[in-house]
Amino acid sequence: MTKTSSISIATTADVRELVELVNSAYRGESSKRGWTTEADLLDGIRTDEESMMQLINKAGSTVLQYRNEKGDLLACVNLQDQGEKLYLGLLTVSPLLQGGGIGKQLLKASEEFAKERQFKSVVMSVISIRSELIAWYERHGYARTGETKEFPSSDPRFGIPKRELQFVILKKEINQ
């Protein structure tokens, strides 16, 4: 029997691989091989082992991981319970595999997760000048809410901004 790619819930045993994947996709030279890089916007790392461990262990937080048939970690996403809403963050695909449909599969799995748990909507925050990323989410049914949030520029855990940044909030209705 051939093992295929799979999406599963990450555990603390996956932390080191998750941190490596997320940082490779968002920051530094390796991230520039994909289209989701933040390297031109932010310095520093995107996450560390302590932060990832907290996400995995936090009540109401789930990290989904996507692994290929060999067991290699290719993508992940963090989902957090916010009452009637499910917050989607940290959607990450290996920079070398972006554009191949893995992100779409993980997004769909996240929405199924939300439906199964009776969340009314999925929400996320995206850096406002990431127009190509916002457009990708809009093509998948997400809409701008009109709400914005300031980027936590005084907290280096999120990166060190190279310019003033803010988030736009996107939302998709799931169970109406």
Protein backbone atom coordinates (compact mmCIF):
# COMPACT_ATOMS: atom_id res chain seq x y z
CA MET A 1 0.00 0.00 0.00
CA THR A 2 1.37 3.40 -0.99
CA LYS A 3 1.30 6.19 1.55
CA THR A 4 0.01 9.51 0.16
CA SER A 5 0.33 13.12 1.31
CA SER A 6 -1.63 13.81 4.45
CA ILE A 7 -2.86 16.59 6.70
CA SER A 8 -2.73 15.95 10.44
CA ILE A 9 -2.57 17.79 13.75
CA ALA A 10 0.99 18.74 14.71
CA THR A 11 2.41 17.82 18.10
CA THR A 12 5.29 19.09 20.19
CA ALA A 13 7.51 16.52 18.43
CA ASP A 14 7.02 18.55 15.22
CA VAL A 15 8.08 21.93 16.65
CA ARG A 16 11.63 22.09 15.29
CA GLU A 17 10.52 21.18 11.74
CA LEU A 18 7.61 23.64 11.89
CA VAL A 19 9.89 26.50 12.96
CA GLU A 20 12.35 25.72 10.16
CA LEU A 21 9.55 25.59 7.58
CA VAL A 22 7.86 28.82 8.70
CA ASN A 23 11.10 30.81 8.84
CA SER A 24 12.20 29.48 5.43
CA ALA A 25 8.94 30.60 3.85
CA TYR A 26 8.65 34.07 5.38
CA ARG A 27 12.10 35.46 6.13
CA GLY A 28 15.62 35.48 4.78
CA GLU A 29 17.01 34.55 1.38
CA SER A 30 15.32 31.15 1.21
CA SER A 31 11.90 32.81 1.42
CA LYS A 32 12.58 34.82 -1.74
CA ARG A 33 12.25 31.60 -3.77
CA GLY A 34 8.51 31.66 -3.04
CA TRP A 35 5.88 34.34 -3.49
CA THR A 36 4.84 34.66 0.17
CA THR A 37 8.09 36.15 1.46
CA GLU A 38 8.06 38.99 3.98
CA ALA A 39 11.84 39.44 3.71
CA ASP A 40 11.51 42.86 2.07
CA LEU A 41 9.10 44.03 4.77
CA LEU A 42 10.48 42.57 7.99
CA ASP A 43 13.81 41.60 9.49
CA GLY A 44 14.28 38.94 12.13
CA ILE A 45 12.74 35.51 12.32
CA ARG A 46 9.03 34.72 11.87
CA THR A 47 8.83 32.31 14.79
CA ASP A 48 10.96 30.36 17.26
CA GLU A 49 10.63 27.05 19.10
CA GLU A 50 9.18 28.64 22.23
CA SER A 51 6.46 30.48 20.29
CA MET A 52 5.60 27.40 18.23
CA MET A 53 5.43 25.27 21.37
CA GLN A 54 3.03 27.81 22.88
CA LEU A 55 0.81 27.68 19.78
CA ILE A 56 0.64 23.89 19.91
CA ASN A 57 -0.07 23.79 23.64
CA LYS A 58 -2.48 26.76 23.79
CA ALA A 59 -6.10 25.88 24.55
CA GLY A 60 -8.26 26.37 21.45
CA SER A 61 -5.23 26.40 19.14
CA THR A 62 -4.52 23.72 16.52
CA VAL A 63 -1.59 23.51 14.13
CA LEU A 64 -2.33 21.46 11.04
CA GLN A 65 0.60 20.08 9.10
CA TYR A 66 0.83 18.77 5.54
CA ARG A 67 3.34 16.01 4.89
CA ASN A 68 4.18 14.21 1.66
CA GLU A 69 4.27 10.45 1.18
CA LYS A 70 7.87 10.35 2.50
CA GLY A 71 6.84 12.18 5.69
CA ASP A 72 8.53 15.47 4.75
CA LEU A 73 6.84 18.56 6.24
CA LEU A 74 5.72 20.78 3.35
CA ALA A 75 3.12 23.12 4.86
CA CYS A 76 1.30 24.15 8.03
CA VAL A 77 -1.39 26.47 9.37
CA ASN A 78 -2.47 27.61 12.83
CA LEU A 79 -6.17 27.70 13.73
CA GLN A 80 -7.42 29.43 16.87
CA ASP A 81 -10.86 29.40 18.46
CA GLN A 82 -12.20 32.94 18.85
CA GLY A 83 -15.75 32.22 19.96
CA GLU A 84 -17.94 31.99 16.85
CA LYS A 85 -14.94 32.69 14.61
CA LEU A 86 -11.92 30.55 13.77
CA TYR A 87 -8.75 32.60 13.33
CA LEU A 88 -6.46 31.30 10.58
CA GLY A 89 -2.81 32.29 10.76
CA LEU A 90 0.66 31.21 9.78
CA LEU A 91 -0.46 29.51 6.55
CA THR A 92 2.91 28.33 5.28
CA VAL A 93 4.04 26.34 2.25
CA SER A 94 7.66 25.48 1.50
CA PRO A 95 8.99 28.23 -0.83
CA LEU A 96 10.05 25.65 -3.43
CA LEU A 97 6.51 24.23 -3.65
CA GLN A 98 4.41 27.39 -3.59
CA GLY A 99 1.94 27.69 -6.45
CA GLY A 100 1.40 23.93 -6.66
CA GLY A 101 -1.92 23.67 -4.80
CA ILE A 102 -0.69 22.67 -1.34
CA GLY A 103 -1.79 25.97 0.20
CA LYS A 104 -5.23 25.57 -1.36
CA GLN A 105 -5.52 22.06 0.13
CA LEU A 106 -4.52 23.29 3.58
CA LEU A 107 -6.93 26.24 3.32
CA LYS A 108 -9.75 23.84 2.39
CA ALA A 109 -8.82 21.55 5.32
CA SER A 110 -8.93 24.58 7.64
CA GLU A 111 -12.41 25.49 6.41
CA GLU A 112 -13.57 21.88 6.90
CA PHE A 113 -12.14 22.03 10.43
CA ALA A 114 -14.22 25.19 11.01
CA LYS A 115 -17.39 23.61 9.58
CA GLU A 116 -17.02 20.45 11.67
CA ARG A 117 -16.66 22.51 14.83
CA GLN A 118 -19.58 24.81 13.95
CA PHE A 119 -17.63 28.07 13.65
CA LYS A 120 -19.64 30.71 11.79
CA SER A 121 -16.65 32.18 9.96
CA VAL A 122 -12.92 32.01 9.36
CA VAL A 123 -11.00 35.26 9.87
CA MET A 124 -7.40 36.27 9.30
CA SER A 125 -5.12 39.28 9.29
CA VAL A 126 -2.86 39.98 6.30
CA ILE A 127 -0.29 42.76 5.97
CA SER A 128 -2.15 45.39 3.95
CA ILE A 129 0.54 45.89 1.29
CA ARG A 130 0.61 42.15 0.48
CA SER A 131 -1.82 42.70 -2.41
CA GLU A 132 -0.95 39.44 -4.19
CA LEU A 133 -1.65 37.44 -1.04
CA ILE A 134 -4.90 39.31 -0.32
CA ALA A 135 -5.99 38.64 -3.92
CA TRP A 136 -5.25 34.92 -3.48
CA TYR A 137 -7.47 34.77 -0.39
CA GLU A 138 -10.19 36.78 -2.16
CA ARG A 139 -10.16 34.22 -5.01
CA HIS A 140 -10.86 31.60 -2.33
CA GLY A 141 -13.93 33.40 -0.97
CA TYR A 142 -12.45 35.69 1.68
CA ALA A 143 -13.50 39.34 1.79
CA ARG A 144 -12.08 42.42 3.43
CA THR A 145 -14.10 43.40 6.48
CA GLY A 146 -13.01 47.04 6.40
CA GLU A 147 -11.29 46.50 9.75
CA THR A 148 -7.56 47.12 10.17
CA LYS A 149 -5.09 46.43 12.97
CA GLU A 150 -1.74 48.00 13.62
CA PHE A 151 1.28 45.76 13.18
CA PRO A 152 2.92 45.03 16.57
CA SER A 153 6.12 46.83 15.55
CA SER A 154 7.36 47.14 19.12
CA ASP A 155 7.35 43.35 19.57
CA PRO A 156 10.35 41.71 17.83
CA ARG A 157 8.66 38.29 18.12
CA PHE A 158 6.68 39.27 15.00
CA GLY A 159 9.67 40.68 13.13
CA ILE A 160 11.27 44.07 12.85
CA PRO A 161 9.40 46.22 10.30
CA LYS A 162 11.43 47.96 7.61
CA ARG A 163 8.50 50.35 7.11
CA GLU A 164 5.18 51.16 8.77
CA LEU A 165 2.81 48.21 8.44
CA GLN A 166 -0.77 47.39 9.27
CA PHE A 167 -3.07 44.42 8.85
CA VAL A 168 -6.34 44.16 6.97
CA ILE A 169 -8.86 41.66 8.30
CA LEU A 170 -10.34 39.12 5.89
CA LYS A 171 -13.34 36.91 6.60
CA LYS A 172 -15.20 34.00 5.03
CA GLU A 173 -18.62 32.88 6.23
CA ILE A 174 -18.68 29.12 6.88
CA ASN A 175 -21.81 28.08 8.84
CA GLN A 176 -24.49 30.73 8.48
